[in-house]
Amino acid sequence: MSDDQFFHFCRKNEPYQIERNSLGEIIVMEPTWSETGRCNFDIATELGIWNKQKKSGYAFDSSAGFTLPNSAIRAADAAFIKKERWNQIPTSERQKFTHICPDFVIEIISPSDSPFSVESKMKEWIDNGCQLAWMVNPKKRTTTIYRSNGDVIIKPFKELLDGEDILPGFSINMATIFSPY
């Protein structure tokens, strides 16, 4: 499907979450389970509050899709794009799946997800220009941090996460978000 055909396909199949991988394969995902949705909302709220204070860019929820340089159209559970990059996008393009890779993304492994598929998606984000990505695993109570320089580290929920130089001053404690989970 072309980008326009995919856009219209998604509109005809609301409310499903639909993505397209770099091979053009369509991926239809079931709605997020309630507990995962609650936690996702709390994380997105924290990111939104930080962004309202700093005003350094734009935060997006899980319904925002982005067309990546590899032609995949993906959505993260939460995403952030620096203001100067977003402002370069024509307003008309912002009404569809914008051709831009977020600077920061968060993906939560829900009970219905395959950890392998989420890990592959994380690598895809980084390979397409994302600077910092967090893969949250509530079952293991860990967050895997992916950086654009290739570093990958795992932190337990009890450790505070920070946005590093991508989101200066942003921090979050996953233990409080996912308690009880």
N, C-alpha and C. Protein backbone atom coordinates (compact mmCIF):
# COMPACT_ATOMS: atom_id res chain seq x y z
N MET A 1 0.84 -1.19 0.00
CA MET A 1 0.00 0.00 0.00
C MET A 1 0.88 1.24 0.00
N SER A 2 0.45 2.24 -0.71
CA SER A 2 1.13 3.54 -0.63
C SER A 2 0.80 4.16 0.72
N ASP A 3 1.48 5.23 1.07
CA ASP A 3 1.19 5.92 2.33
C ASP A 3 -0.27 6.37 2.39
N ASP A 4 -0.78 6.92 1.28
CA ASP A 4 -2.18 7.37 1.24
C ASP A 4 -3.16 6.20 1.36
N GLN A 5 -2.87 5.10 0.69
CA GLN A 5 -3.74 3.92 0.79
C GLN A 5 -3.75 3.39 2.22
N PHE A 6 -2.58 3.36 2.84
CA PHE A 6 -2.50 2.89 4.22
C PHE A 6 -3.29 3.82 5.15
N PHE A 7 -3.16 5.13 4.95
CA PHE A 7 -3.89 6.10 5.75
C PHE A 7 -5.40 5.84 5.66
N HIS A 8 -5.91 5.65 4.45
CA HIS A 8 -7.34 5.41 4.26
C HIS A 8 -7.75 4.04 4.81
N PHE A 9 -6.89 3.05 4.70
CA PHE A 9 -7.15 1.74 5.28
C PHE A 9 -7.32 1.87 6.79
N CYS A 10 -6.45 2.62 7.43
CA CYS A 10 -6.54 2.81 8.89
C CYS A 10 -7.84 3.53 9.26
N ARG A 11 -8.21 4.53 8.48
CA ARG A 11 -9.45 5.27 8.77
C ARG A 11 -10.67 4.38 8.65
N LYS A 12 -10.65 3.46 7.69
CA LYS A 12 -11.79 2.55 7.50
C LYS A 12 -11.85 1.48 8.58
N ASN A 13 -10.75 1.25 9.26
CA ASN A 13 -10.68 0.18 10.25
C ASN A 13 -10.49 0.70 11.67
N GLU A 14 -10.96 1.92 11.92
CA GLU A 14 -10.94 2.41 13.30
C GLU A 14 -11.86 1.52 14.11
N PRO A 15 -11.61 1.21 15.32
CA PRO A 15 -10.65 1.76 16.26
C PRO A 15 -9.39 0.92 16.41
N TYR A 16 -9.10 0.04 15.47
CA TYR A 16 -7.93 -0.82 15.59
C TYR A 16 -6.64 -0.02 15.51
N GLN A 17 -5.63 -0.48 16.24
CA GLN A 17 -4.28 0.07 16.15
C GLN A 17 -3.59 -0.71 15.04
N ILE A 18 -3.22 -0.01 13.98
CA ILE A 18 -2.63 -0.66 12.82
C ILE A 18 -1.29 -0.02 12.51
N GLU A 19 -0.29 -0.86 12.25
CA GLU A 19 1.03 -0.37 11.86
C GLU A 19 1.42 -1.08 10.56
N ARG A 20 2.46 -0.54 9.93
CA ARG A 20 3.01 -1.17 8.73
C ARG A 20 4.51 -1.29 8.96
N ASN A 21 5.06 -2.50 8.74
CA ASN A 21 6.50 -2.64 8.92
C ASN A 21 7.23 -2.22 7.65
N SER A 22 8.54 -2.28 7.68
CA SER A 22 9.36 -1.80 6.56
C SER A 22 9.20 -2.65 5.30
N LEU A 23 8.65 -3.85 5.44
CA LEU A 23 8.40 -4.71 4.28
C LEU A 23 7.02 -4.46 3.67
N GLY A 24 6.26 -3.56 4.29
CA GLY A 24 4.93 -3.25 3.81
C GLY A 24 3.85 -4.14 4.40
N GLU A 25 4.22 -5.03 5.32
CA GLU A 25 3.24 -5.92 5.95
C GLU A 25 2.41 -5.14 6.97
N ILE A 26 1.12 -5.42 6.99
CA ILE A 26 0.19 -4.75 7.89
C ILE A 26 0.13 -5.53 9.21
N ILE A 27 0.20 -4.79 10.31
CA ILE A 27 0.16 -5.38 11.65
C ILE A 27 -1.05 -4.79 12.36
N VAL A 28 -2.02 -5.64 12.69
CA VAL A 28 -3.21 -5.20 13.41
C VAL A 28 -3.06 -5.66 14.85
N MET A 29 -3.19 -4.71 15.77
CA MET A 29 -3.00 -5.02 17.19
C MET A 29 -4.32 -4.87 17.92
N GLU A 30 -4.52 -5.73 18.88
CA GLU A 30 -5.72 -5.63 19.70
C GLU A 30 -5.60 -4.43 20.62
N PRO A 31 -6.71 -3.95 21.16
CA PRO A 31 -6.63 -2.85 22.11
C PRO A 31 -5.75 -3.23 23.30
N THR A 32 -5.16 -2.23 23.91
CA THR A 32 -4.34 -2.46 25.10
C THR A 32 -5.21 -2.96 26.24
N TRP A 33 -4.69 -3.90 27.00
CA TRP A 33 -5.43 -4.38 28.15
C TRP A 33 -5.55 -3.24 29.16
N SER A 34 -6.55 -3.30 29.98
CA SER A 34 -6.89 -2.18 30.87
C SER A 34 -5.74 -1.74 31.77
N GLU A 35 -5.09 -2.69 32.44
CA GLU A 35 -4.00 -2.33 33.36
C GLU A 35 -2.84 -1.69 32.60
N THR A 36 -2.52 -2.22 31.42
CA THR A 36 -1.45 -1.62 30.61
C THR A 36 -1.84 -0.22 30.20
N GLY A 37 -3.10 -0.03 29.81
CA GLY A 37 -3.59 1.29 29.42
C GLY A 37 -3.50 2.30 30.56
N ARG A 38 -3.80 1.84 31.77
CA ARG A 38 -3.70 2.72 32.95
C ARG A 38 -2.26 3.18 33.14
N CYS A 39 -1.33 2.25 33.07
CA CYS A 39 0.08 2.57 33.26
C CYS A 39 0.60 3.45 32.12
N ASN A 40 0.19 3.13 30.90
CA ASN A 40 0.58 3.93 29.75
C ASN A 40 0.11 5.38 29.91
N PHE A 41 -1.12 5.55 30.38
CA PHE A 41 -1.65 6.89 30.61
C PHE A 41 -0.82 7.64 31.65
N ASP A 42 -0.45 6.96 32.73
CA ASP A 42 0.35 7.62 33.77
C ASP A 42 1.72 8.05 33.24
N ILE A 43 2.34 7.20 32.42
CA ILE A 43 3.64 7.56 31.83
C ILE A 43 3.49 8.74 30.89
N ALA A 44 2.47 8.69 30.03
CA ALA A 44 2.25 9.78 29.09
C ALA A 44 1.92 11.08 29.83
N THR A 45 1.20 10.98 30.95
CA THR A 45 0.90 12.16 31.75
C THR A 45 2.18 12.78 32.30
N GLU A 46 3.07 11.94 32.84
CA GLU A 46 4.35 12.46 33.36
C GLU A 46 5.15 13.16 32.27
N LEU A 47 5.21 12.54 31.08
CA LEU A 47 5.92 13.15 29.96
C LEU A 47 5.25 14.46 29.57
N GLY A 48 3.92 14.48 29.55
CA GLY A 48 3.19 15.69 29.20
C GLY A 48 3.40 16.82 30.19
N ILE A 49 3.41 16.50 31.47
CA ILE A 49 3.64 17.53 32.50
C ILE A 49 5.04 18.11 32.33
N TRP A 50 6.03 17.24 32.17
CA TRP A 50 7.41 17.73 31.95
C TRP A 50 7.45 18.64 30.72
N ASN A 51 6.82 18.22 29.64
CA ASN A 51 6.85 18.98 28.40
C ASN A 51 6.14 20.33 28.53
N LYS A 52 5.05 20.38 29.27
CA LYS A 52 4.35 21.65 29.50
C LYS A 52 5.26 22.64 30.23
N GLN A 53 6.06 22.13 31.16
CA GLN A 53 6.97 22.99 31.91
C GLN A 53 8.16 23.44 31.07
N LYS A 54 8.76 22.53 30.32
CA LYS A 54 9.98 22.83 29.56
C LYS A 54 9.71 23.48 28.21
N LYS A 55 8.59 23.12 27.59
CA LYS A 55 8.22 23.66 26.28
C LYS A 55 9.32 23.47 25.23
N SER A 56 9.97 22.31 25.28
CA SER A 56 11.08 22.08 24.35
C SER A 56 10.68 21.22 23.15
N GLY A 57 9.42 20.81 23.11
CA GLY A 57 8.98 19.99 21.99
C GLY A 57 7.54 19.59 22.14
N TYR A 58 7.22 18.44 21.55
CA TYR A 58 5.85 17.96 21.53
C TYR A 58 5.80 16.50 21.95
N ALA A 59 4.85 16.19 22.82
CA ALA A 59 4.67 14.82 23.30
C ALA A 59 3.45 14.21 22.60
N PHE A 60 3.50 12.90 22.38
CA PHE A 60 2.47 12.19 21.65
C PHE A 60 2.05 10.94 22.42
N ASP A 61 0.77 10.60 22.29
CA ASP A 61 0.27 9.39 22.94
C ASP A 61 0.34 8.21 21.97
N SER A 62 -0.22 7.10 22.39
CA SER A 62 -0.09 5.85 21.64
C SER A 62 -0.89 5.83 20.33
N SER A 63 -1.73 6.82 20.10
CA SER A 63 -2.51 6.82 18.87
C SER A 63 -1.81 7.55 17.72
N ALA A 64 -0.66 8.16 17.98
CA ALA A 64 0.07 8.91 16.94
C ALA A 64 0.99 7.99 16.16
N GLY A 65 0.82 7.96 14.84
CA GLY A 65 1.67 7.14 13.98
C GLY A 65 2.68 8.02 13.25
N PHE A 66 3.86 7.47 13.03
CA PHE A 66 4.95 8.19 12.36
C PHE A 66 5.49 7.33 11.22
N THR A 67 5.73 7.95 10.07
CA THR A 67 6.35 7.26 8.94
C THR A 67 7.86 7.39 9.11
N LEU A 68 8.52 6.26 9.28
CA LEU A 68 9.96 6.23 9.51
C LEU A 68 10.73 6.24 8.19
N PRO A 69 12.00 6.59 8.22
CA PRO A 69 12.81 6.58 6.99
C PRO A 69 12.81 5.25 6.25
N ASN A 70 12.61 4.12 6.96
CA ASN A 70 12.59 2.82 6.30
C ASN A 70 11.22 2.48 5.70
N SER A 71 10.30 3.43 5.73
CA SER A 71 8.92 3.37 5.21
C SER A 71 7.94 2.67 6.14
N ALA A 72 8.39 2.17 7.29
CA ALA A 72 7.46 1.62 8.28
C ALA A 72 6.62 2.76 8.85
N ILE A 73 5.42 2.43 9.24
CA ILE A 73 4.56 3.40 9.95
C ILE A 73 4.31 2.80 11.31
N ARG A 74 4.84 3.45 12.33
CA ARG A 74 4.83 2.92 13.69
C ARG A 74 4.23 3.93 14.68
N ALA A 75 3.74 3.40 15.78
CA ALA A 75 3.24 4.19 16.90
C ALA A 75 3.90 3.66 18.17
N ALA A 76 4.29 4.55 19.04
CA ALA A 76 4.86 4.19 20.34
C ALA A 76 3.81 4.42 21.42
N ASP A 77 4.02 3.85 22.60
CA ASP A 77 3.09 4.11 23.69
C ASP A 77 3.16 5.57 24.14
N ALA A 78 4.33 6.16 24.03
CA ALA A 78 4.52 7.60 24.25
C ALA A 78 5.73 8.01 23.42
N ALA A 79 5.71 9.24 22.93
CA ALA A 79 6.81 9.72 22.09
C ALA A 79 7.01 11.21 22.30
N PHE A 80 8.19 11.67 21.93
CA PHE A 80 8.53 13.09 22.04
C PHE A 80 9.38 13.49 20.84
N ILE A 81 9.09 14.67 20.29
CA ILE A 81 9.87 15.24 19.20
C ILE A 81 10.25 16.66 19.57
N LYS A 82 11.53 16.98 19.41
CA LYS A 82 12.01 18.33 19.72
C LYS A 82 11.31 19.36 18.84
N LYS A 83 11.06 20.51 19.45
CA LYS A 83 10.31 21.58 18.80
C LYS A 83 10.89 21.98 17.44
N GLU A 84 12.20 22.15 17.36
CA GLU A 84 12.81 22.61 16.11
C GLU A 84 12.63 21.60 14.97
N ARG A 85 12.59 20.32 15.29
CA ARG A 85 12.37 19.29 14.26
C ARG A 85 10.90 19.27 13.83
N TRP A 86 9.98 19.30 14.80
CA TRP A 86 8.56 19.27 14.50
C TRP A 86 8.14 20.49 13.68
N ASN A 87 8.69 21.64 14.03
CA ASN A 87 8.31 22.87 13.34
C ASN A 87 8.75 22.90 11.88
N GLN A 88 9.65 22.02 11.48
CA GLN A 88 10.07 21.93 10.08
C GLN A 88 9.08 21.12 9.23
N ILE A 89 8.16 20.44 9.87
CA ILE A 89 7.17 19.61 9.16
C ILE A 89 6.02 20.50 8.70
N PRO A 90 5.68 20.46 7.41
CA PRO A 90 4.53 21.26 6.93
C PRO A 90 3.26 20.86 7.68
N THR A 91 2.44 21.84 7.98
CA THR A 91 1.20 21.61 8.72
C THR A 91 0.34 20.56 8.05
N SER A 92 0.28 20.58 6.72
CA SER A 92 -0.55 19.60 5.99
C SER A 92 -0.08 18.16 6.24
N GLU A 93 1.22 17.96 6.40
CA GLU A 93 1.73 16.61 6.64
C GLU A 93 1.44 16.12 8.05
N ARG A 94 1.23 17.03 8.97
CA ARG A 94 0.96 16.67 10.36
C ARG A 94 -0.42 16.03 10.52
N GLN A 95 -1.26 16.12 9.50
CA GLN A 95 -2.61 15.58 9.55
C GLN A 95 -2.66 14.10 9.18
N LYS A 96 -1.53 13.53 8.81
CA LYS A 96 -1.45 12.11 8.48
C LYS A 96 -0.35 11.49 9.34
N PHE A 97 0.30 10.46 8.83
CA PHE A 97 1.40 9.83 9.56
C PHE A 97 2.68 10.55 9.16
N THR A 98 3.04 11.55 9.93
CA THR A 98 4.15 12.44 9.63
C THR A 98 5.44 11.68 9.37
N HIS A 99 6.17 12.13 8.36
CA HIS A 99 7.46 11.52 8.01
C HIS A 99 8.54 12.07 8.95
N ILE A 100 8.62 11.47 10.11
CA ILE A 100 9.62 11.85 11.11
C ILE A 100 9.72 10.73 12.14
N CYS A 101 10.92 10.53 12.63
CA CYS A 101 11.11 9.58 13.72
C CYS A 101 11.22 10.37 15.02
N PRO A 102 10.46 10.00 16.04
CA PRO A 102 10.57 10.72 17.31
C PRO A 102 11.99 10.68 17.88
N ASP A 103 12.31 11.67 18.69
CA ASP A 103 13.60 11.72 19.38
C ASP A 103 13.63 10.75 20.56
N PHE A 104 12.44 10.49 21.13
CA PHE A 104 12.32 9.66 22.32
C PHE A 104 11.03 8.86 22.21
N VAL A 105 11.10 7.57 22.56
CA VAL A 105 9.90 6.74 22.61
C VAL A 105 9.90 5.85 23.84
N ILE A 106 8.70 5.49 24.26
CA ILE A 106 8.51 4.51 25.32
C ILE A 106 7.57 3.45 24.77
N GLU A 107 7.94 2.19 24.96
CA GLU A 107 7.10 1.05 24.60
C GLU A 107 6.94 0.19 25.85
N ILE A 108 5.71 -0.20 26.12
CA ILE A 108 5.42 -1.07 27.25
C ILE A 108 5.09 -2.46 26.71
N ILE A 109 5.74 -3.47 27.23
CA ILE A 109 5.41 -4.84 26.84
C ILE A 109 4.15 -5.24 27.60
N SER A 110 3.04 -5.34 26.88
CA SER A 110 1.79 -5.73 27.52
C SER A 110 1.68 -7.26 27.49
N PRO A 111 0.77 -7.84 28.28
CA PRO A 111 0.63 -9.29 28.30
C PRO A 111 0.34 -9.90 26.93
N SER A 112 -0.24 -9.12 26.03
CA SER A 112 -0.57 -9.65 24.70
C SER A 112 0.59 -9.51 23.72
N ASP A 113 1.67 -8.84 24.11
CA ASP A 113 2.82 -8.62 23.23
C ASP A 113 3.84 -9.76 23.32
N SER A 114 4.53 -9.97 22.24
CA SER A 114 5.69 -10.84 22.24
C SER A 114 6.90 -9.96 22.58
N PRO A 115 7.64 -10.27 23.65
CA PRO A 115 8.82 -9.45 23.97
C PRO A 115 9.78 -9.32 22.79
N PHE A 116 9.92 -10.38 21.99
CA PHE A 116 10.81 -10.34 20.84
C PHE A 116 10.34 -9.29 19.83
N SER A 117 9.03 -9.22 19.57
CA SER A 117 8.53 -8.24 18.60
C SER A 117 8.70 -6.81 19.10
N VAL A 118 8.53 -6.59 20.41
CA VAL A 118 8.73 -5.25 20.96
C VAL A 118 10.21 -4.89 20.91
N GLU A 119 11.08 -5.84 21.20
CA GLU A 119 12.52 -5.59 21.12
C GLU A 119 12.93 -5.24 19.68
N SER A 120 12.37 -5.93 18.71
CA SER A 120 12.65 -5.63 17.30
C SER A 120 12.18 -4.23 16.95
N LYS A 121 11.03 -3.86 17.48
CA LYS A 121 10.50 -2.51 17.23
C LYS A 121 11.41 -1.45 17.84
N MET A 122 11.96 -1.74 19.02
CA MET A 122 12.86 -0.79 19.68
C MET A 122 14.10 -0.55 18.80
N LYS A 123 14.65 -1.64 18.28
CA LYS A 123 15.81 -1.51 17.40
C LYS A 123 15.46 -0.73 16.14
N GLU A 124 14.24 -0.93 15.65
CA GLU A 124 13.79 -0.18 14.47
C GLU A 124 13.71 1.31 14.77
N TRP A 125 13.19 1.67 15.94
CA TRP A 125 13.14 3.09 16.31
C TRP A 125 14.54 3.68 16.27
N ILE A 126 15.48 3.01 16.93
CA ILE A 126 16.86 3.53 17.00
C ILE A 126 17.49 3.57 15.62
N ASP A 127 17.32 2.53 14.83
CA ASP A 127 17.91 2.48 13.48
C ASP A 127 17.37 3.58 12.57
N ASN A 128 16.21 4.12 12.91
CA ASN A 128 15.58 5.15 12.08
C ASN A 128 15.73 6.57 12.63
N GLY A 129 16.56 6.72 13.66
CA GLY A 129 16.88 8.07 14.13
C GLY A 129 16.45 8.43 15.53
N CYS A 130 15.74 7.55 16.24
CA CYS A 130 15.37 7.84 17.62
C CYS A 130 16.65 7.92 18.46
N GLN A 131 16.71 8.89 19.33
CA GLN A 131 17.91 9.10 20.14
C GLN A 131 17.92 8.31 21.45
N LEU A 132 16.73 8.11 22.02
CA LEU A 132 16.60 7.43 23.31
C LEU A 132 15.27 6.70 23.32
N ALA A 133 15.29 5.42 23.71
CA ALA A 133 14.06 4.62 23.73
C ALA A 133 14.05 3.74 24.97
N TRP A 134 12.89 3.67 25.60
CA TRP A 134 12.72 2.84 26.79
C TRP A 134 11.72 1.73 26.50
N MET A 135 12.12 0.48 26.74
CA MET A 135 11.22 -0.66 26.64
C MET A 135 10.92 -1.13 28.06
N VAL A 136 9.69 -0.94 28.48
CA VAL A 136 9.27 -1.24 29.84
C VAL A 136 8.68 -2.65 29.89
N ASN A 137 9.22 -3.47 30.79
CA ASN A 137 8.75 -4.85 30.94
C ASN A 137 8.16 -5.01 32.35
N PRO A 138 6.84 -4.83 32.49
CA PRO A 138 6.22 -4.92 33.81
C PRO A 138 6.38 -6.30 34.46
N LYS A 139 6.38 -7.35 33.65
CA LYS A 139 6.50 -8.70 34.20
C LYS A 139 7.85 -8.90 34.89
N LYS A 140 8.92 -8.43 34.25
CA LYS A 140 10.27 -8.55 34.83
C LYS A 140 10.62 -7.37 35.72
N ARG A 141 9.77 -6.32 35.68
CA ARG A 141 9.98 -5.08 36.45
C ARG A 141 11.33 -4.45 36.10
N THR A 142 11.57 -4.37 34.78
CA THR A 142 12.79 -3.74 34.26
C THR A 142 12.44 -2.81 33.10
N THR A 143 13.36 -1.89 32.86
CA THR A 143 13.28 -1.02 31.68
C THR A 143 14.59 -1.17 30.93
N THR A 144 14.49 -1.52 29.65
CA THR A 144 15.68 -1.59 28.80
C THR A 144 15.80 -0.26 28.09
N ILE A 145 16.97 0.35 28.22
CA ILE A 145 17.24 1.66 27.64
C ILE A 145 18.11 1.49 26.40
N TYR A 146 17.60 2.01 25.29
CA TYR A 146 18.32 1.97 24.01
C TYR A 146 18.77 3.39 23.70
N ARG A 147 20.03 3.52 23.31
CA ARG A 147 20.58 4.83 22.94
C ARG A 147 21.06 4.80 21.50
N SER A 148 21.07 5.97 20.87
CA SER A 148 21.45 6.06 19.47
C SER A 148 22.90 5.64 19.21
N ASN A 149 23.74 5.68 20.25
CA ASN A 149 25.14 5.27 20.07
C ASN A 149 25.32 3.75 20.15
N GLY A 150 24.19 3.02 20.30
CA GLY A 150 24.24 1.56 20.33
C GLY A 150 24.22 0.97 21.73
N ASP A 151 24.40 1.79 22.75
CA ASP A 151 24.36 1.29 24.12
C ASP A 151 22.96 0.78 24.46
N VAL A 152 22.92 -0.35 25.15
CA VAL A 152 21.66 -0.91 25.65
C VAL A 152 21.93 -1.33 27.09
N ILE A 153 21.15 -0.78 28.02
CA ILE A 153 21.30 -1.16 29.42
C ILE A 153 19.93 -1.48 30.00
N ILE A 154 19.92 -2.28 31.03
CA ILE A 154 18.67 -2.67 31.69
C ILE A 154 18.72 -2.14 33.12
N LYS A 155 17.63 -1.47 33.50
CA LYS A 155 17.51 -0.95 34.87
C LYS A 155 16.28 -1.54 35.54
N PRO A 156 16.41 -1.92 36.82
CA PRO A 156 15.24 -2.39 37.56
C PRO A 156 14.30 -1.21 37.85
N PHE A 157 13.04 -1.53 38.06
CA PHE A 157 12.05 -0.49 38.33
C PHE A 157 12.42 0.40 39.52
N LYS A 158 13.13 -0.14 40.47
CA LYS A 158 13.45 0.66 41.67
C LYS A 158 14.40 1.82 41.37
N GLU A 159 15.10 1.77 40.23
CA GLU A 159 16.01 2.86 39.86
C GLU A 159 15.28 3.93 39.07
N LEU A 160 15.57 5.17 39.38
CA LEU A 160 14.98 6.31 38.69
C LEU A 160 15.52 6.39 37.26
N LEU A 161 14.63 6.58 36.30
CA LEU A 161 15.04 6.78 34.92
C LEU A 161 15.08 8.27 34.63
N ASP A 162 16.03 8.70 33.81
CA ASP A 162 16.04 10.11 33.45
C ASP A 162 16.17 10.25 31.94
N GLY A 163 15.70 11.39 31.45
CA GLY A 163 15.67 11.65 30.02
C GLY A 163 16.98 12.05 29.41
N GLU A 164 18.02 12.04 30.21
CA GLU A 164 19.38 12.33 29.73
C GLU A 164 19.40 13.66 28.98
N ASP A 165 20.20 13.77 27.93
CA ASP A 165 20.28 15.05 27.22
C ASP A 165 19.17 15.22 26.19
N ILE A 166 18.36 14.19 25.97
CA ILE A 166 17.24 14.28 25.05
C ILE A 166 16.04 14.97 25.71
N LEU A 167 15.80 14.64 26.99
CA LEU A 167 14.72 15.23 27.78
C LEU A 167 15.30 15.75 29.09
N PRO A 168 16.07 16.83 29.05
CA PRO A 168 16.73 17.31 30.26
C PRO A 168 15.74 17.62 31.38
N GLY A 169 16.00 17.04 32.54
CA GLY A 169 15.15 17.27 33.70
C GLY A 169 13.97 16.32 33.82
N PHE A 170 13.74 15.46 32.83
CA PHE A 170 12.65 14.49 32.91
C PHE A 170 13.14 13.25 33.64
N SER A 171 12.38 12.83 34.63
CA SER A 171 12.69 11.58 35.33
C SER A 171 11.39 10.91 35.72
N ILE A 172 11.47 9.60 35.89
CA ILE A 172 10.28 8.84 36.23
C ILE A 172 10.70 7.57 36.98
N ASN A 173 9.87 7.19 37.92
CA ASN A 173 10.10 5.97 38.68
C ASN A 173 9.04 4.96 38.26
N MET A 174 9.43 3.96 37.51
CA MET A 174 8.49 2.97 36.99
C MET A 174 7.86 2.14 38.12
N ALA A 175 8.55 2.01 39.25
CA ALA A 175 7.99 1.24 40.37
C ALA A 175 6.69 1.87 40.85
N THR A 176 6.60 3.21 40.85
CA THR A 176 5.37 3.86 41.29
C THR A 176 4.27 3.76 40.23
N ILE A 177 4.65 3.74 38.97
CA ILE A 177 3.66 3.64 37.88
C ILE A 177 3.06 2.23 37.86
N PHE A 178 3.88 1.21 38.00
CA PHE A 178 3.45 -0.18 37.87
C PHE A 178 3.22 -0.87 39.20
N SER A 179 2.82 -0.12 40.22
CA SER A 179 2.57 -0.71 41.51
C SER A 179 1.12 -0.45 41.89
N PRO A 180 0.33 -1.44 42.15
CA PRO A 180 0.61 -2.85 41.85
C PRO A 180 0.29 -3.14 40.39
N TYR A 181 0.94 -4.10 39.83
CA TYR A 181 0.71 -4.50 38.43
C TYR A 181 0.50 -5.98 38.38
